[in-house]
Amino acid sequence: MTKAEVLLWLRLKNKKILGQRFLRQYGILSYVVDFYCPQLRLAIEVDGVTHTTDTQRKHDQRRQREFKKLGIEILRFTNPEVYSDMTQVLHAITEKGKQRI
């Protein structure tokens, strides 16, 4: 895991968000997401600089469409968001989780 993923994982593990269990490095179809909550059908990705290329963005969009067909929603955060505004990241995850309960 990247440093940003480790920092977020420390806030997600042990059912710290809405009492829900998040898994890390979870496989869905032929993809691996950074974090996944099966009960909420919510995937969370922490994106570094590799996700800024056109090729990677297209790949991410294709994956997102496939997940949507399965009823899985993806929340994306950048490494800088995790480093500088963890409170907002956790708030966004909590609010999205409330919508999916």
PDB file of N, CA and C in Angstrom:
ATOM      1  N   MET A   1       0.842  -1.189   0.000  1.00  0.00           N
ATOM      2  CA  MET A   1       0.000   0.000   0.000  1.00  0.00           C
ATOM      3  C   MET A   1       0.884   1.248   0.000  1.00  0.00           C
ATOM      4  N   THR A   2       0.348   2.293  -0.603  1.00  0.00           N
ATOM      5  CA  THR A   2       1.050   3.566  -0.575  1.00  0.00           C
ATOM      6  C   THR A   2       0.878   4.219   0.798  1.00  0.00           C
ATOM      7  N   LYS A   3       1.655   5.255   1.057  1.00  0.00           N
ATOM      8  CA  LYS A   3       1.541   5.955   2.336  1.00  0.00           C
ATOM      9  C   LYS A   3       0.125   6.506   2.531  1.00  0.00           C
ATOM     10  N   ALA A   4      -0.452   7.094   1.474  1.00  0.00           N
ATOM     11  CA  ALA A   4      -1.810   7.639   1.575  1.00  0.00           C
ATOM     12  C   ALA A   4      -2.817   6.526   1.872  1.00  0.00           C
ATOM     13  N   GLU A   5      -2.648   5.368   1.229  1.00  0.00           N
ATOM     14  CA  GLU A   5      -3.553   4.243   1.486  1.00  0.00           C
ATOM     15  C   GLU A   5      -3.435   3.757   2.927  1.00  0.00           C
ATOM     16  N   VAL A   6      -2.218   3.701   3.442  1.00  0.00           N
ATOM     17  CA  VAL A   6      -2.012   3.274   4.838  1.00  0.00           C
ATOM     18  C   VAL A   6      -2.713   4.242   5.786  1.00  0.00           C
ATOM     19  N   LEU A   7      -2.551   5.536   5.535  1.00  0.00           N
ATOM     20  CA  LEU A   7      -3.190   6.534   6.409  1.00  0.00           C
ATOM     21  C   LEU A   7      -4.712   6.395   6.384  1.00  0.00           C
ATOM     22  N   LEU A   8      -5.274   6.184   5.212  1.00  0.00           N
ATOM     23  CA  LEU A   8      -6.730   6.019   5.129  1.00  0.00           C
ATOM     24  C   LEU A   8      -7.154   4.693   5.752  1.00  0.00           C
ATOM     25  N   TRP A   9      -6.395   3.642   5.527  1.00  0.00           N
ATOM     26  CA  TRP A   9      -6.732   2.337   6.090  1.00  0.00           C
ATOM     27  C   TRP A   9      -6.814   2.393   7.621  1.00  0.00           C
ATOM     28  N   LEU A  10      -5.933   3.161   8.232  1.00  0.00           N
ATOM     29  CA  LEU A  10      -5.969   3.298   9.693  1.00  0.00           C
ATOM     30  C   LEU A  10      -7.287   3.900  10.165  1.00  0.00           C
ATOM     31  N   ARG A  11      -7.947   4.662   9.306  1.00  0.00           N
ATOM     32  CA  ARG A  11      -9.226   5.291   9.653  1.00  0.00           C
ATOM     33  C   ARG A  11     -10.429   4.440   9.257  1.00  0.00           C
ATOM     34  N   LEU A  12     -10.219   3.465   8.374  1.00  0.00           N
ATOM     35  CA  LEU A  12     -11.326   2.625   7.904  1.00  0.00           C
ATOM     36  C   LEU A  12     -11.432   1.295   8.652  1.00  0.00           C
ATOM     37  N   LYS A  13     -10.288   0.744   9.018  1.00  0.00           N
ATOM     38  CA  LYS A  13     -10.301  -0.613   9.587  1.00  0.00           C
ATOM     39  C   LYS A  13     -11.027  -0.644  10.930  1.00  0.00           C
ATOM     40  N   ASN A  14     -11.391  -1.838  11.321  1.00  0.00           N
ATOM     41  CA  ASN A  14     -12.087  -2.086  12.594  1.00  0.00           C
ATOM     42  C   ASN A  14     -13.443  -1.385  12.681  1.00  0.00           C
ATOM     43  N   LYS A  15     -14.122  -1.288  11.539  1.00  0.00           N
ATOM     44  CA  LYS A  15     -15.506  -0.780  11.480  1.00  0.00           C
ATOM     45  C   LYS A  15     -15.651   0.634  12.043  1.00  0.00           C
ATOM     46  N   LYS A  16     -14.688   1.498  11.752  1.00  0.00           N
ATOM     47  CA  LYS A  16     -14.710   2.860  12.278  1.00  0.00           C
ATOM     48  C   LYS A  16     -15.656   3.794  11.525  1.00  0.00           C
ATOM     49  N   ILE A  17     -16.105   3.397  10.341  1.00  0.00           N
ATOM     50  CA  ILE A  17     -17.037   4.225   9.563  1.00  0.00           C
ATOM     51  C   ILE A  17     -18.391   3.519   9.547  1.00  0.00           C
ATOM     52  N   LEU A  18     -19.360   4.112  10.202  1.00  0.00           N
ATOM     53  CA  LEU A  18     -20.738   3.601  10.236  1.00  0.00           C
ATOM     54  C   LEU A  18     -20.832   2.148  10.698  1.00  0.00           C
ATOM     55  N   GLY A  19     -19.833   1.690  11.428  1.00  0.00           N
ATOM     56  CA  GLY A  19     -19.848   0.307  11.899  1.00  0.00           C
ATOM     57  C   GLY A  19     -19.719  -0.714  10.788  1.00  0.00           C
ATOM     58  N   GLN A  20     -19.219  -0.286   9.619  1.00  0.00           N
ATOM     59  CA  GLN A  20     -19.123  -1.163   8.452  1.00  0.00           C
ATOM     60  C   GLN A  20     -17.704  -1.685   8.274  1.00  0.00           C
ATOM     61  N   ARG A  21     -17.606  -2.909   7.806  1.00  0.00           N
ATOM     62  CA  ARG A  21     -16.312  -3.537   7.572  1.00  0.00           C
ATOM     63  C   ARG A  21     -15.798  -3.179   6.180  1.00  0.00           C
ATOM     64  N   PHE A  22     -14.610  -2.619   6.135  1.00  0.00           N
ATOM     65  CA  PHE A  22     -13.936  -2.343   4.873  1.00  0.00           C
ATOM     66  C   PHE A  22     -12.807  -3.351   4.697  1.00  0.00           C
ATOM     67  N   LEU A  23     -12.628  -3.798   3.481  1.00  0.00           N
ATOM     68  CA  LEU A  23     -11.554  -4.716   3.127  1.00  0.00           C
ATOM     69  C   LEU A  23     -10.544  -3.945   2.295  1.00  0.00           C
ATOM     70  N   ARG A  24      -9.292  -4.346   2.347  1.00  0.00           N
ATOM     71  CA  ARG A  24      -8.294  -3.644   1.546  1.00  0.00           C
ATOM     72  C   ARG A  24      -7.776  -4.547   0.437  1.00  0.00           C
ATOM     73  N   GLN A  25      -7.374  -3.906  -0.662  1.00  0.00           N
ATOM     74  CA  GLN A  25      -6.870  -4.621  -1.829  1.00  0.00           C
ATOM     75  C   GLN A  25      -7.816  -5.765  -2.205  1.00  0.00           C
ATOM     76  N   TYR A  26      -9.058  -5.395  -2.498  1.00  0.00           N
ATOM     77  CA  TYR A  26     -10.130  -6.365  -2.734  1.00  0.00           C
ATOM     78  C   TYR A  26     -10.370  -6.543  -4.231  1.00  0.00           C
ATOM     79  N   GLY A  27     -10.458  -7.778  -4.673  1.00  0.00           N
ATOM     80  CA  GLY A  27     -10.679  -8.085  -6.080  1.00  0.00           C
ATOM     81  C   GLY A  27     -12.150  -8.064  -6.456  1.00  0.00           C
ATOM     82  N   ILE A  28     -12.457  -7.327  -7.523  1.00  0.00           N
ATOM     83  CA  ILE A  28     -13.798  -7.281  -8.100  1.00  0.00           C
ATOM     84  C   ILE A  28     -13.620  -7.448  -9.603  1.00  0.00           C
ATOM     85  N   LEU A  29     -14.298  -8.460 -10.174  1.00  0.00           N
ATOM     86  CA  LEU A  29     -14.093  -8.818 -11.572  1.00  0.00           C
ATOM     87  C   LEU A  29     -12.588  -9.062 -11.756  1.00  0.00           C
ATOM     88  N   SER A  30     -11.978  -8.420 -12.727  1.00  0.00           N
ATOM     89  CA  SER A  30     -10.533  -8.611 -12.937  1.00  0.00           C
ATOM     90  C   SER A  30      -9.724  -7.444 -12.377  1.00  0.00           C
ATOM     91  N   TYR A  31     -10.334  -6.652 -11.489  1.00  0.00           N
ATOM     92  CA  TYR A  31      -9.699  -5.459 -10.937  1.00  0.00           C
ATOM     93  C   TYR A  31      -9.455  -5.619  -9.437  1.00  0.00           C
ATOM     94  N   VAL A  32      -8.582  -4.790  -8.914  1.00  0.00           N
ATOM     95  CA  VAL A  32      -8.358  -4.733  -7.466  1.00  0.00           C
ATOM     96  C   VAL A  32      -8.589  -3.289  -7.044  1.00  0.00           C
ATOM     97  N   VAL A  33      -9.477  -3.111  -6.063  1.00  0.00           N
ATOM     98  CA  VAL A  33      -9.737  -1.766  -5.530  1.00  0.00           C
ATOM     99  C   VAL A  33      -8.968  -1.613  -4.220  1.00  0.00           C
ATOM    100  N   ASP A  34      -8.651  -0.363  -3.894  1.00  0.00           N
ATOM    101  CA  ASP A  34      -7.888  -0.117  -2.673  1.00  0.00           C
ATOM    102  C   ASP A  34      -8.663  -0.565  -1.442  1.00  0.00           C
ATOM    103  N   PHE A  35      -9.941  -0.157  -1.359  1.00  0.00           N
ATOM    104  CA  PHE A  35     -10.784  -0.518  -0.217  1.00  0.00           C
ATOM    105  C   PHE A  35     -12.189  -0.816  -0.713  1.00  0.00           C
ATOM    106  N   TYR A  36     -12.863  -1.759  -0.036  1.00  0.00           N
ATOM    107  CA  TYR A  36     -14.218  -2.126  -0.442  1.00  0.00           C
ATOM    108  C   TYR A  36     -15.043  -2.499   0.768  1.00  0.00           C
ATOM    109  N   CYS A  37     -16.275  -1.980   0.793  1.00  0.00           N
ATOM    110  CA  CYS A  37     -17.241  -2.351   1.825  1.00  0.00           C
ATOM    111  C   CYS A  37     -18.369  -3.122   1.142  1.00  0.00           C
ATOM    112  N   PRO A  38     -18.401  -4.449   1.305  1.00  0.00           N
ATOM    113  CA  PRO A  38     -19.422  -5.252   0.635  1.00  0.00           C
ATOM    114  C   PRO A  38     -20.853  -4.874   1.023  1.00  0.00           C
ATOM    115  N   GLN A  39     -21.074  -4.546   2.298  1.00  0.00           N
ATOM    116  CA  GLN A  39     -22.421  -4.233   2.746  1.00  0.00           C
ATOM    117  C   GLN A  39     -22.952  -2.965   2.076  1.00  0.00           C
ATOM    118  N   LEU A  40     -22.083  -2.010   1.841  1.00  0.00           N
ATOM    119  CA  LEU A  40     -22.489  -0.749   1.216  1.00  0.00           C
ATOM    120  C   LEU A  40     -22.310  -0.778  -0.298  1.00  0.00           C
ATOM    121  N   ARG A  41     -21.633  -1.806  -0.793  1.00  0.00           N
ATOM    122  CA  ARG A  41     -21.273  -1.881  -2.221  1.00  0.00           C
ATOM    123  C   ARG A  41     -20.554  -0.589  -2.626  1.00  0.00           C
ATOM    124  N   LEU A  42     -19.552  -0.241  -1.803  1.00  0.00           N
ATOM    125  CA  LEU A  42     -18.809   0.995  -1.964  1.00  0.00           C
ATOM    126  C   LEU A  42     -17.313   0.690  -2.049  1.00  0.00           C
ATOM    127  N   ALA A  43     -16.709   1.111  -3.159  1.00  0.00           N
ATOM    128  CA  ALA A  43     -15.270   0.976  -3.348  1.00  0.00           C
ATOM    129  C   ALA A  43     -14.632   2.346  -3.171  1.00  0.00           C
ATOM    130  N   ILE A  44     -13.435   2.347  -2.618  1.00  0.00           N
ATOM    131  CA  ILE A  44     -12.702   3.594  -2.423  1.00  0.00           C
ATOM    132  C   ILE A  44     -11.334   3.433  -3.062  1.00  0.00           C
ATOM    133  N   GLU A  45     -10.984   4.409  -3.876  1.00  0.00           N
ATOM    134  CA  GLU A  45      -9.684   4.423  -4.529  1.00  0.00           C
ATOM    135  C   GLU A  45      -8.910   5.652  -4.092  1.00  0.00           C
ATOM    136  N   VAL A  46      -7.629   5.461  -3.808  1.00  0.00           N
ATOM    137  CA  VAL A  46      -6.728   6.563  -3.501  1.00  0.00           C
ATOM    138  C   VAL A  46      -5.759   6.637  -4.683  1.00  0.00           C
ATOM    139  N   ASP A  47      -5.880   7.703  -5.442  1.00  0.00           N
ATOM    140  CA  ASP A  47      -5.151   7.819  -6.698  1.00  0.00           C
ATOM    141  C   ASP A  47      -3.895   8.666  -6.569  1.00  0.00           C
ATOM    142  N   GLY A  48      -2.806   8.116  -7.059  1.00  0.00           N
ATOM    143  CA  GLY A  48      -1.548   8.851  -7.136  1.00  0.00           C
ATOM    144  C   GLY A  48      -1.378   9.439  -8.529  1.00  0.00           C
ATOM    145  N   VAL A  49      -0.179   9.827  -8.847  1.00  0.00           N
ATOM    146  CA  VAL A  49       0.088  10.494 -10.122  1.00  0.00           C
ATOM    147  C   VAL A  49      -0.131   9.587 -11.322  1.00  0.00           C
ATOM    148  N   THR A  50      -0.094   8.274 -11.137  1.00  0.00           N
ATOM    149  CA  THR A  50      -0.298   7.377 -12.276  1.00  0.00           C
ATOM    150  C   THR A  50      -1.709   7.478 -12.838  1.00  0.00           C
ATOM    151  N   HIS A  51      -2.635   8.008 -12.073  1.00  0.00           N
ATOM    152  CA  HIS A  51      -4.022   8.122 -12.530  1.00  0.00           C
ATOM    153  C   HIS A  51      -4.287   9.419 -13.280  1.00  0.00           C
ATOM    154  N   THR A  52      -3.250  10.164 -13.606  1.00  0.00           N
ATOM    155  CA  THR A  52      -3.443  11.437 -14.301  1.00  0.00           C
ATOM    156  C   THR A  52      -3.233  11.329 -15.803  1.00  0.00           C
ATOM    157  N   THR A  53      -2.786  10.178 -16.284  1.00  0.00           N
ATOM    158  CA  THR A  53      -2.585  10.019 -17.721  1.00  0.00           C
ATOM    159  C   THR A  53      -3.924   9.740 -18.403  1.00  0.00           C
ATOM    160  N   ASP A  54      -4.017  10.085 -19.680  1.00  0.00           N
ATOM    161  CA  ASP A  54      -5.247   9.824 -20.440  1.00  0.00           C
ATOM    162  C   ASP A  54      -5.565   8.335 -20.472  1.00  0.00           C
ATOM    163  N   THR A  55      -4.554   7.520 -20.666  1.00  0.00           N
ATOM    164  CA  THR A  55      -4.763   6.073 -20.714  1.00  0.00           C
ATOM    165  C   THR A  55      -5.337   5.562 -19.404  1.00  0.00           C
ATOM    166  N   GLN A  56      -4.768   5.999 -18.302  1.00  0.00           N
ATOM    167  CA  GLN A  56      -5.246   5.540 -16.996  1.00  0.00           C
ATOM    168  C   GLN A  56      -6.647   6.062 -16.698  1.00  0.00           C
ATOM    169  N   ARG A  57      -6.919   7.300 -17.080  1.00  0.00           N
ATOM    170  CA  ARG A  57      -8.268   7.852 -16.866  1.00  0.00           C
ATOM    171  C   ARG A  57      -9.311   7.052 -17.637  1.00  0.00           C
ATOM    172  N   LYS A  58      -8.987   6.678 -18.872  1.00  0.00           N
ATOM    173  CA  LYS A  58      -9.916   5.869 -19.671  1.00  0.00           C
ATOM    174  C   LYS A  58     -10.123   4.504 -19.028  1.00  0.00           C
ATOM    175  N   HIS A  59      -9.051   3.920 -18.545  1.00  0.00           N
ATOM    176  CA  HIS A  59      -9.144   2.636 -17.848  1.00  0.00           C
ATOM    177  C   HIS A  59     -10.032   2.762 -16.606  1.00  0.00           C
ATOM    178  N   ASP A  60      -9.821   3.813 -15.825  1.00  0.00           N
ATOM    179  CA  ASP A  60     -10.625   4.039 -14.621  1.00  0.00           C
ATOM    180  C   ASP A  60     -12.096   4.244 -14.960  1.00  0.00           C
ATOM    181  N   GLN A  61     -12.377   4.972 -16.035  1.00  0.00           N
ATOM    182  CA  GLN A  61     -13.768   5.208 -16.448  1.00  0.00           C
ATOM    183  C   GLN A  61     -14.432   3.904 -16.885  1.00  0.00           C
ATOM    184  N   ARG A  62     -13.703   3.077 -17.632  1.00  0.00           N
ATOM    185  CA  ARG A  62     -14.238   1.782 -18.076  1.00  0.00           C
ATOM    186  C   ARG A  62     -14.540   0.902 -16.858  1.00  0.00           C
ATOM    187  N   ARG A  63     -13.618   0.875 -15.923  1.00  0.00           N
ATOM    188  CA  ARG A  63     -13.806   0.071 -14.710  1.00  0.00           C
ATOM    189  C   ARG A  63     -15.010   0.579 -13.922  1.00  0.00           C
ATOM    190  N   GLN A  64     -15.144   1.887 -13.829  1.00  0.00           N
ATOM    191  CA  GLN A  64     -16.264   2.471 -13.097  1.00  0.00           C
ATOM    192  C   GLN A  64     -17.599   2.074 -13.736  1.00  0.00           C
ATOM    193  N   ARG A  65     -17.655   2.071 -15.061  1.00  0.00           N
ATOM    194  CA  ARG A  65     -18.897   1.649 -15.745  1.00  0.00           C
ATOM    195  C   ARG A  65     -19.220   0.186 -15.438  1.00  0.00           C
ATOM    196  N   GLU A  66     -18.206  -0.666 -15.420  1.00  0.00           N
ATOM    197  CA  GLU A  66     -18.426  -2.079 -15.110  1.00  0.00           C
ATOM    198  C   GLU A  66     -18.907  -2.263 -13.675  1.00  0.00           C
ATOM    199  N   PHE A  67     -18.329  -1.512 -12.748  1.00  0.00           N
ATOM    200  CA  PHE A  67     -18.757  -1.607 -11.359  1.00  0.00           C
ATOM    201  C   PHE A  67     -20.187  -1.114 -11.188  1.00  0.00           C
ATOM    202  N   LYS A  68     -20.529  -0.055 -11.912  1.00  0.00           N
ATOM    203  CA  LYS A  68     -21.879   0.499 -11.807  1.00  0.00           C
ATOM    204  C   LYS A  68     -22.919  -0.550 -12.202  1.00  0.00           C
ATOM    205  N   LYS A  69     -22.613  -1.356 -13.209  1.00  0.00           N
ATOM    206  CA  LYS A  69     -23.512  -2.433 -13.622  1.00  0.00           C
ATOM    207  C   LYS A  69     -23.743  -3.434 -12.489  1.00  0.00           C
ATOM    208  N   LEU A  70     -22.767  -3.554 -11.592  1.00  0.00           N
ATOM    209  CA  LEU A  70     -22.880  -4.459 -10.446  1.00  0.00           C
ATOM    210  C   LEU A  70     -23.484  -3.775  -9.223  1.00  0.00           C
ATOM    211  N   GLY A  71     -23.803  -2.484  -9.357  1.00  0.00           N
ATOM    212  CA  GLY A  71     -24.366  -1.743  -8.237  1.00  0.00           C
ATOM    213  C   GLY A  71     -23.306  -1.250  -7.261  1.00  0.00           C
ATOM    214  N   ILE A  72     -22.055  -1.223  -7.701  1.00  0.00           N
ATOM    215  CA  ILE A  72     -20.954  -0.774  -6.852  1.00  0.00           C
ATOM    216  C   ILE A  72     -20.594   0.659  -7.231  1.00  0.00           C
ATOM    217  N   GLU A  73     -20.504   1.503  -6.236  1.00  0.00           N
ATOM    218  CA  GLU A  73     -20.101   2.887  -6.461  1.00  0.00           C
ATOM    219  C   GLU A  73     -18.645   3.062  -6.027  1.00  0.00           C
ATOM    220  N   ILE A  74     -17.925   3.914  -6.760  1.00  0.00           N
ATOM    221  CA  ILE A  74     -16.529   4.186  -6.442  1.00  0.00           C
ATOM    222  C   ILE A  74     -16.383   5.631  -5.989  1.00  0.00           C
ATOM    223  N   LEU A  75     -15.721   5.811  -4.868  1.00  0.00           N
ATOM    224  CA  LEU A  75     -15.299   7.145  -4.426  1.00  0.00           C
ATOM    225  C   LEU A  75     -13.803   7.238  -4.678  1.00  0.00           C
ATOM    226  N   ARG A  76     -13.382   8.325  -5.285  1.00  0.00           N
ATOM    227  CA  ARG A  76     -11.965   8.526  -5.580  1.00  0.00           C
ATOM    228  C   ARG A  76     -11.428   9.729  -4.834  1.00  0.00           C
ATOM    229  N   PHE A  77     -10.248   9.546  -4.280  1.00  0.00           N
ATOM    230  CA  PHE A  77      -9.542  10.624  -3.607  1.00  0.00           C
ATOM    231  C   PHE A  77      -8.108  10.620  -4.104  1.00  0.00           C
ATOM    232  N   THR A  78      -7.497  11.771  -4.148  1.00  0.00           N
ATOM    233  CA  THR A  78      -6.094  11.856  -4.523  1.00  0.00           C
ATOM    234  C   THR A  78      -5.226  11.715  -3.280  1.00  0.00           C
ATOM    235  N   ASN A  79      -3.981  11.361  -3.496  1.00  0.00           N
ATOM    236  CA  ASN A  79      -3.043  11.310  -2.369  1.00  0.00           C
ATOM    237  C   ASN A  79      -3.013  12.638  -1.618  1.00  0.00           C
ATOM    238  N   PRO A  80      -2.899  13.801  -2.320  1.00  0.00           N
ATOM    239  CA  PRO A  80      -2.881  15.070  -1.582  1.00  0.00           C
ATOM    240  C   PRO A  80      -4.137  15.307  -0.744  1.00  0.00           C
ATOM    241  N   GLU A  81      -5.297  14.861  -1.212  1.00  0.00           N
ATOM    242  CA  GLU A  81      -6.517  15.010  -0.405  1.00  0.00           C
ATOM    243  C   GLU A  81      -6.398  14.232   0.895  1.00  0.00           C
ATOM    244  N   VAL A  82      -5.895  13.018   0.799  1.00  0.00           N
ATOM    245  CA  VAL A  82      -5.745  12.191   1.997  1.00  0.00           C
ATOM    246  C   VAL A  82      -4.741  12.827   2.958  1.00  0.00           C
ATOM    247  N   TYR A  83      -3.639  13.330   2.421  1.00  0.00           N
ATOM    248  CA  TYR A  83      -2.609  13.933   3.274  1.00  0.00           C
ATOM    249  C   TYR A  83      -3.070  15.223   3.937  1.00  0.00           C
ATOM    250  N   SER A  84      -3.766  16.063   3.178  1.00  0.00           N
ATOM    251  CA  SER A  84      -4.029  17.415   3.687  1.00  0.00           C
ATOM    252  C   SER A  84      -5.430  17.619   4.255  1.00  0.00           C
ATOM    253  N   ASP A  85      -6.370  16.739   3.919  1.00  0.00           N
ATOM    254  CA  ASP A  85      -7.743  16.966   4.380  1.00  0.00           C
ATOM    255  C   ASP A  85      -8.457  15.656   4.703  1.00  0.00           C
ATOM    256  N   MET A  86      -7.858  14.889   5.580  1.00  0.00           N
ATOM    257  CA  MET A  86      -8.422  13.591   5.967  1.00  0.00           C
ATOM    258  C   MET A  86      -9.840  13.746   6.518  1.00  0.00           C
ATOM    259  N   THR A  87     -10.101  14.827   7.234  1.00  0.00           N
ATOM    260  CA  THR A  87     -11.441  15.043   7.794  1.00  0.00           C
ATOM    261  C   THR A  87     -12.475  15.083   6.681  1.00  0.00           C
ATOM    262  N   GLN A  88     -12.194  15.791   5.609  1.00  0.00           N
ATOM    263  CA  GLN A  88     -13.139  15.879   4.482  1.00  0.00           C
ATOM    264  C   GLN A  88     -13.276  14.536   3.774  1.00  0.00           C
ATOM    265  N   VAL A  89     -12.189  13.813   3.635  1.00  0.00           N
ATOM    266  CA  VAL A  89     -12.232  12.487   3.011  1.00  0.00           C
ATOM    267  C   VAL A  89     -13.141  11.566   3.819  1.00  0.00           C
ATOM    268  N   LEU A  90     -12.951  11.533   5.121  1.00  0.00           N
ATOM    269  CA  LEU A  90     -13.780  10.680   5.979  1.00  0.00           C
ATOM    270  C   LEU A  90     -15.240  11.128   5.978  1.00  0.00           C
ATOM    271  N   HIS A  91     -15.466  12.424   5.922  1.00  0.00           N
ATOM    272  CA  HIS A  91     -16.829  12.939   5.840  1.00  0.00           C
ATOM    273  C   HIS A  91     -17.498  12.479   4.545  1.00  0.00           C
ATOM    274  N   ALA A  92     -16.785  12.568   3.437  1.00  0.00           N
ATOM    275  CA  ALA A  92     -17.349  12.147   2.145  1.00  0.00           C
ATOM    276  C   ALA A  92     -17.676  10.655   2.153  1.00  0.00           C
ATOM    277  N   ILE A  93     -16.804   9.848   2.727  1.00  0.00           N
ATOM    278  CA  ILE A  93     -17.054   8.402   2.809  1.00  0.00           C
ATOM    279  C   ILE A  93     -18.268   8.131   3.691  1.00  0.00           C
ATOM    280  N   THR A  94     -18.341   8.799   4.822  1.00  0.00           N
ATOM    281  CA  THR A  94     -19.470   8.610   5.743  1.00  0.00           C
ATOM    282  C   THR A  94     -20.779   9.012   5.077  1.00  0.00           C
ATOM    283  N   GLU A  95     -20.802  10.154   4.425  1.00  0.00           N
ATOM    284  CA  GLU A  95     -22.035  10.621   3.776  1.00  0.00           C
ATOM    285  C   GLU A  95     -22.462   9.682   2.659  1.00  0.00           C
ATOM    286  N   LYS A  96     -21.521   9.218   1.847  1.00  0.00           N
ATOM    287  CA  LYS A  96     -21.857   8.278   0.775  1.00  0.00           C
ATOM    288  C   LYS A  96     -22.344   6.958   1.381  1.00  0.00           C
ATOM    289  N   GLY A  97     -21.715   6.534   2.460  1.00  0.00           N
ATOM    290  CA  GLY A  97     -22.145   5.308   3.130  1.00  0.00           C
ATOM    291  C   GLY A  97     -23.572   5.426   3.658  1.00  0.00           C
ATOM    292  N   LYS A  98     -23.913   6.571   4.236  1.00  0.00           N
ATOM    293  CA  LYS A  98     -25.277   6.778   4.731  1.00  0.00           C
ATOM    294  C   LYS A  98     -26.292   6.674   3.589  1.00  0.00           C
ATOM    295  N   GLN A  99     -25.929   7.156   2.430  1.00  0.00           N
ATOM    296  CA  GLN A  99     -26.827   7.097   1.273  1.00  0.00           C
ATOM    297  C   GLN A  99     -27.039   5.661   0.798  1.00  0.00           C
ATOM    298  N   ARG A 100     -26.082   4.790   1.080  1.00  0.00           N
ATOM    299  CA  ARG A 100     -26.136   3.433   0.538  1.00  0.00           C
ATOM    300  C   ARG A 100     -26.619   2.410   1.567  1.00  0.00           C
ATOM    301  N   ILE A 101     -26.915   2.852   2.776  1.00  0.00           N
ATOM    302  CA  ILE A 101     -27.415   1.912   3.809  1.00  0.00           C
ATOM    303  C   ILE A 101     -28.848   1.538   3.488  1.00  0.00           C
TER     304      ILE A 101
END
